[in-house]
Amino acid sequence: MSDQPPRNPEPGAPADAVPAELDTEALREQILFAIRGIYDPEIPVNIHELGLIYRVDVHLDGSVEIDMTLTAPNCPAAQILPGQVKERVSVIRGVTGVDLKIVWDPPWGPDRMSDAAKLQLGML
């Protein structure tokens, strides 16, 4: 398997370039794989394991809704991470659009991190 998810077909590509019936669960897994490749610049853990991704919904038309947060409202990565998420997800084949929202409720805390992230950071 490649480290990069397949790209969307170019505009004007044949209709068969996009699957006729979208497997939303498989597409969601590709999206999560892409998100796991994005790291907080101040913490050596990917943003999924940090618990910054609150929701990923994939619709049958290929549109994707993502709710994410940041470790703090004044986080320096606020200018970088949302754009990286949107960019990485939007190039996945089958994704027709990405609606990304930054949410602050519930507030992020270390309890939202996965055990793997806590272990990596010496918190377990």
C-alpha atoms as a PDB file:
ATOM      1  CA  MET A   1       0.000   0.000   0.000  1.00  0.00           C
ATOM      2  CA  SER A   2       1.269   3.473  -0.857  1.00  0.00           C
ATOM      3  CA  ASP A   3       1.883   6.137   1.784  1.00  0.00           C
ATOM      4  CA  GLN A   4      -0.259   8.500  -0.254  1.00  0.00           C
ATOM      5  CA  PRO A   5      -3.993   8.021  -0.759  1.00  0.00           C
ATOM      6  CA  PRO A   6      -5.178   7.977  -4.373  1.00  0.00           C
ATOM      7  CA  ARG A   7      -5.835  11.412  -5.836  1.00  0.00           C
ATOM      8  CA  ASN A   8      -9.153  12.696  -7.132  1.00  0.00           C
ATOM      9  CA  PRO A   9      -9.572  12.415 -10.886  1.00  0.00           C
ATOM     10  CA  GLU A  10      -8.955  15.586 -12.847  1.00  0.00           C
ATOM     11  CA  PRO A  11     -11.973  17.688 -13.818  1.00  0.00           C
ATOM     12  CA  GLY A  12     -13.429  16.316 -17.014  1.00  0.00           C
ATOM     13  CA  ALA A  13     -12.135  12.795 -16.291  1.00  0.00           C
ATOM     14  CA  PRO A  14     -14.377   9.922 -17.394  1.00  0.00           C
ATOM     15  CA  ALA A  15     -17.282   9.172 -15.070  1.00  0.00           C
ATOM     16  CA  ASP A  16     -15.847   5.739 -14.306  1.00  0.00           C
ATOM     17  CA  ALA A  17     -12.794   7.419 -12.696  1.00  0.00           C
ATOM     18  CA  VAL A  18     -14.885   7.746  -9.515  1.00  0.00           C
ATOM     19  CA  PRO A  19     -16.535   4.625  -8.052  1.00  0.00           C
ATOM     20  CA  ALA A  20     -20.251   4.402  -8.857  1.00  0.00           C
ATOM     21  CA  GLU A  21     -21.116   3.445  -5.284  1.00  0.00           C
ATOM     22  CA  LEU A  22     -19.015   5.114  -2.635  1.00  0.00           C
ATOM     23  CA  ASP A  23     -17.842   2.968   0.280  1.00  0.00           C
ATOM     24  CA  THR A  24     -18.007   5.652   2.950  1.00  0.00           C
ATOM     25  CA  GLU A  25     -16.351   3.512   5.626  1.00  0.00           C
ATOM     26  CA  ALA A  26     -13.372   2.703   3.383  1.00  0.00           C
ATOM     27  CA  LEU A  27     -13.114   6.371   2.443  1.00  0.00           C
ATOM     28  CA  ARG A  28     -13.236   7.335   6.119  1.00  0.00           C
ATOM     29  CA  GLU A  29     -10.321   4.976   6.803  1.00  0.00           C
ATOM     30  CA  GLN A  30      -8.313   6.607   3.994  1.00  0.00           C
ATOM     31  CA  ILE A  31      -9.094  10.012   5.488  1.00  0.00           C
ATOM     32  CA  LEU A  32      -7.943   8.922   8.947  1.00  0.00           C
ATOM     33  CA  PHE A  33      -4.785   7.453   7.405  1.00  0.00           C
ATOM     34  CA  ALA A  34      -4.047  10.819   5.782  1.00  0.00           C
ATOM     35  CA  ILE A  35      -4.759  12.697   9.009  1.00  0.00           C
ATOM     36  CA  ARG A  36      -2.407  10.409  10.951  1.00  0.00           C
ATOM     37  CA  GLY A  37       0.393  11.778   8.774  1.00  0.00           C
ATOM     38  CA  ILE A  38      -0.065  15.299  10.171  1.00  0.00           C
ATOM     39  CA  TYR A  39       1.942  16.177  13.261  1.00  0.00           C
ATOM     40  CA  ASP A  40       1.631  19.044  15.686  1.00  0.00           C
ATOM     41  CA  PRO A  41       4.833  21.054  15.147  1.00  0.00           C
ATOM     42  CA  GLU A  42       5.405  21.356  18.910  1.00  0.00           C
ATOM     43  CA  ILE A  43       4.536  17.771  19.929  1.00  0.00           C
ATOM     44  CA  PRO A  44       6.018  14.745  18.125  1.00  0.00           C
ATOM     45  CA  VAL A  45       2.641  12.981  17.878  1.00  0.00           C
ATOM     46  CA  ASN A  46       0.143  12.985  15.017  1.00  0.00           C
ATOM     47  CA  ILE A  47      -2.993  15.053  15.493  1.00  0.00           C
ATOM     48  CA  HIS A  48      -5.289  12.032  15.450  1.00  0.00           C
ATOM     49  CA  GLU A  49      -3.463  10.344  18.336  1.00  0.00           C
ATOM     50  CA  LEU A  50      -3.393  13.697  20.162  1.00  0.00           C
ATOM     51  CA  GLY A  51      -7.192  13.651  20.054  1.00  0.00           C
ATOM     52  CA  LEU A  52      -7.526  16.833  18.000  1.00  0.00           C
ATOM     53  CA  ILE A  53      -9.934  15.232  15.514  1.00  0.00           C
ATOM     54  CA  TYR A  54     -13.385  15.093  17.069  1.00  0.00           C
ATOM     55  CA  ARG A  55     -15.517  14.000  14.115  1.00  0.00           C
ATOM     56  CA  VAL A  56     -15.110  12.745  10.548  1.00  0.00           C
ATOM     57  CA  ASP A  57     -18.356  12.187   8.636  1.00  0.00           C
ATOM     58  CA  VAL A  58     -18.313  10.954   5.049  1.00  0.00           C
ATOM     59  CA  HIS A  59     -21.467  11.322   2.976  1.00  0.00           C
ATOM     60  CA  LEU A  60     -22.540   9.233  -0.014  1.00  0.00           C
ATOM     61  CA  ASP A  61     -21.808  12.135  -2.374  1.00  0.00           C
ATOM     62  CA  GLY A  62     -18.165  12.147  -1.224  1.00  0.00           C
ATOM     63  CA  SER A  63     -18.464  15.291   0.862  1.00  0.00           C
ATOM     64  CA  VAL A  64     -16.637  15.176   4.178  1.00  0.00           C
ATOM     65  CA  GLU A  65     -17.307  17.037   7.409  1.00  0.00           C
ATOM     66  CA  ILE A  66     -14.518  17.276   9.961  1.00  0.00           C
ATOM     67  CA  ASP A  67     -14.610  18.809  13.411  1.00  0.00           C
ATOM     68  CA  MET A  68     -11.224  19.371  14.951  1.00  0.00           C
ATOM     69  CA  THR A  69      -9.784  21.366  17.781  1.00  0.00           C
ATOM     70  CA  LEU A  70      -6.395  22.655  18.821  1.00  0.00           C
ATOM     71  CA  THR A  71      -4.565  22.212  22.093  1.00  0.00           C
ATOM     72  CA  ALA A  72      -5.303  25.850  22.980  1.00  0.00           C
ATOM     73  CA  PRO A  73      -7.132  28.774  21.326  1.00  0.00           C
ATOM     74  CA  ASN A  74      -3.859  30.678  20.908  1.00  0.00           C
ATOM     75  CA  CYS A  75      -2.019  27.615  19.580  1.00  0.00           C
ATOM     76  CA  PRO A  76       0.666  28.681  17.066  1.00  0.00           C
ATOM     77  CA  ALA A  77      -0.357  25.744  14.867  1.00  0.00           C
ATOM     78  CA  ALA A  78      -3.817  27.302  14.393  1.00  0.00           C
ATOM     79  CA  GLN A  79      -2.618  28.810  11.139  1.00  0.00           C
ATOM     80  CA  ILE A  80      -1.109  25.551   9.868  1.00  0.00           C
ATOM     81  CA  LEU A  81      -2.915  22.403  11.010  1.00  0.00           C
ATOM     82  CA  PRO A  82      -6.459  23.052   9.690  1.00  0.00           C
ATOM     83  CA  GLY A  83      -5.077  23.867   6.243  1.00  0.00           C
ATOM     84  CA  GLN A  84      -2.950  20.719   6.244  1.00  0.00           C
ATOM     85  CA  VAL A  85      -5.958  18.588   7.183  1.00  0.00           C
ATOM     86  CA  LYS A  86      -8.146  20.108   4.484  1.00  0.00           C
ATOM     87  CA  GLU A  87      -5.409  19.803   1.863  1.00  0.00           C
ATOM     88  CA  ARG A  88      -4.564  16.164   2.631  1.00  0.00           C
ATOM     89  CA  VAL A  89      -8.193  15.060   2.762  1.00  0.00           C
ATOM     90  CA  SER A  90      -9.301  16.939  -0.357  1.00  0.00           C
ATOM     91  CA  VAL A  91      -6.861  15.039  -2.620  1.00  0.00           C
ATOM     92  CA  ILE A  92      -8.177  11.606  -1.668  1.00  0.00           C
ATOM     93  CA  ARG A  93      -9.997   9.919  -4.532  1.00  0.00           C
ATOM     94  CA  GLY A  94     -13.723   9.970  -3.889  1.00  0.00           C
ATOM     95  CA  VAL A  95     -13.687  13.111  -1.732  1.00  0.00           C
ATOM     96  CA  THR A  96     -15.768  15.792  -3.421  1.00  0.00           C
ATOM     97  CA  GLY A  97     -15.443  18.500  -0.787  1.00  0.00           C
ATOM     98  CA  VAL A  98     -14.218  19.125   2.744  1.00  0.00           C
ATOM     99  CA  ASP A  99     -16.067  21.186   5.344  1.00  0.00           C
ATOM    100  CA  LEU A 100     -13.626  21.602   8.228  1.00  0.00           C
ATOM    101  CA  LYS A 101     -14.695  23.316  11.436  1.00  0.00           C
ATOM    102  CA  ILE A 102     -12.524  24.307  14.374  1.00  0.00           C
ATOM    103  CA  VAL A 103     -14.485  23.611  17.560  1.00  0.00           C
ATOM    104  CA  TRP A 104     -13.675  24.415  21.182  1.00  0.00           C
ATOM    105  CA  ASP A 105     -16.350  22.331  22.886  1.00  0.00           C
ATOM    106  CA  PRO A 106     -15.471  20.055  24.467  1.00  0.00           C
ATOM    107  CA  PRO A 107     -12.143  21.672  25.272  1.00  0.00           C
ATOM    108  CA  TRP A 108      -9.092  19.607  24.427  1.00  0.00           C
ATOM    109  CA  GLY A 109      -7.159  18.065  27.308  1.00  0.00           C
ATOM    110  CA  PRO A 110      -4.514  15.362  27.679  1.00  0.00           C
ATOM    111  CA  ASP A 111      -7.292  12.891  28.506  1.00  0.00           C
ATOM    112  CA  ARG A 112      -8.303  13.019  24.812  1.00  0.00           C
ATOM    113  CA  MET A 113      -4.943  11.555  23.729  1.00  0.00           C
ATOM    114  CA  SER A 114      -4.683   7.904  22.801  1.00  0.00           C
ATOM    115  CA  ASP A 115      -2.696   5.562  25.023  1.00  0.00           C
ATOM    116  CA  ALA A 116      -0.103   5.333  22.243  1.00  0.00           C
ATOM    117  CA  ALA A 117       0.360   9.125  22.329  1.00  0.00           C
ATOM    118  CA  LYS A 118       0.587   9.161  26.110  1.00  0.00           C
ATOM    119  CA  LEU A 119       3.165   6.377  26.003  1.00  0.00           C
ATOM    120  CA  GLN A 120       5.189   8.194  23.346  1.00  0.00           C
ATOM    121  CA  LEU A 121       5.187  11.353  25.477  1.00  0.00           C
ATOM    122  CA  GLY A 122       6.096   9.477  28.663  1.00  0.00           C
ATOM    123  CA  MET A 123       2.718  10.013  30.285  1.00  0.00           C
ATOM    124  CA  LEU A 124       2.040   6.276  30.865  1.00  0.00           C
END
